[in-house]
Amino acid sequence: MLFCERCALVPSQTLGPHGDACIEMHHRAMAIADRPSGTSASMRL
């Protein structure tokens, strides 16, 4: 089971079936849903 080591969030339980795909973003200062239209986000590997 995937979980956040910082806050113990289990994304699939909290955010639904696609929550695991969002684990990298849940501690960001501004949620993607709150960003102005036309902005983009990317993951750095």
C-alpha atoms as a PDB file:
ATOM      1  CA  MET A   1       0.000   0.000   0.000  1.00  0.00           C
ATOM      2  CA  LEU A   2       1.339   3.407  -1.020  1.00  0.00           C
ATOM      3  CA  PHE A   3       1.376   6.063   1.716  1.00  0.00           C
ATOM      4  CA  CYS A   4       3.018   9.404   2.422  1.00  0.00           C
ATOM      5  CA  GLU A   5       5.939   9.141   4.840  1.00  0.00           C
ATOM      6  CA  ARG A   6       5.397  12.763   5.892  1.00  0.00           C
ATOM      7  CA  CYS A   7       1.708  12.700   6.853  1.00  0.00           C
ATOM      8  CA  ALA A   8       0.712   9.004   6.544  1.00  0.00           C
ATOM      9  CA  LEU A   9      -1.897   9.806   3.872  1.00  0.00           C
ATOM     10  CA  VAL A  10      -3.053   6.720   1.966  1.00  0.00           C
ATOM     11  CA  PRO A  11      -3.957   8.359  -1.340  1.00  0.00           C
ATOM     12  CA  SER A  12      -6.124   5.569  -2.715  1.00  0.00           C
ATOM     13  CA  GLN A  13      -8.295   5.698   0.407  1.00  0.00           C
ATOM     14  CA  THR A  14      -8.460   9.479   0.686  1.00  0.00           C
ATOM     15  CA  LEU A  15      -8.443  10.600  -2.949  1.00  0.00           C
ATOM     16  CA  GLY A  16     -10.175   7.659  -4.609  1.00  0.00           C
ATOM     17  CA  PRO A  17      -9.050   5.054  -7.120  1.00  0.00           C
ATOM     18  CA  HIS A  18      -6.647   7.416  -8.921  1.00  0.00           C
ATOM     19  CA  GLY A  19      -5.198   8.886  -5.726  1.00  0.00           C
ATOM     20  CA  ASP A  20      -1.878   7.070  -6.072  1.00  0.00           C
ATOM     21  CA  ALA A  21      -1.156   9.182  -9.157  1.00  0.00           C
ATOM     22  CA  CYS A  22      -1.467  12.364  -7.047  1.00  0.00           C
ATOM     23  CA  ILE A  23       0.812  11.454  -4.149  1.00  0.00           C
ATOM     24  CA  GLU A  24       3.692  13.650  -5.368  1.00  0.00           C
ATOM     25  CA  MET A  25       1.524  16.759  -5.425  1.00  0.00           C
ATOM     26  CA  HIS A  26      -0.461  16.694  -2.200  1.00  0.00           C
ATOM     27  CA  HIS A  27       2.005  18.798  -0.148  1.00  0.00           C
ATOM     28  CA  ARG A  28       2.450  21.533  -2.755  1.00  0.00           C
ATOM     29  CA  ALA A  29       1.700  25.106  -1.686  1.00  0.00           C
ATOM     30  CA  MET A  30      -1.105  25.510  -4.226  1.00  0.00           C
ATOM     31  CA  ALA A  31      -3.348  22.670  -5.290  1.00  0.00           C
ATOM     32  CA  ILE A  32      -3.525  22.083  -9.027  1.00  0.00           C
ATOM     33  CA  ALA A  33      -7.293  22.603  -8.915  1.00  0.00           C
ATOM     34  CA  ASP A  34      -6.723  26.088  -7.449  1.00  0.00           C
ATOM     35  CA  ARG A  35      -4.217  27.210 -10.077  1.00  0.00           C
ATOM     36  CA  PRO A  36      -5.298  29.743 -12.704  1.00  0.00           C
ATOM     37  CA  SER A  37      -6.570  28.371 -16.000  1.00  0.00           C
ATOM     38  CA  GLY A  38      -3.812  27.768 -18.518  1.00  0.00           C
ATOM     39  CA  THR A  39      -1.057  26.925 -16.023  1.00  0.00           C
ATOM     40  CA  SER A  40       0.670  23.574 -16.154  1.00  0.00           C
ATOM     41  CA  ALA A  41       2.358  21.211 -13.738  1.00  0.00           C
ATOM     42  CA  SER A  42       5.049  18.625 -14.241  1.00  0.00           C
ATOM     43  CA  MET A  43       6.831  16.050 -12.163  1.00  0.00           C
ATOM     44  CA  ARG A  44      10.605  16.157 -11.967  1.00  0.00           C
ATOM     45  CA  LEU A  45      12.181  12.729 -11.867  1.00  0.00           C
END
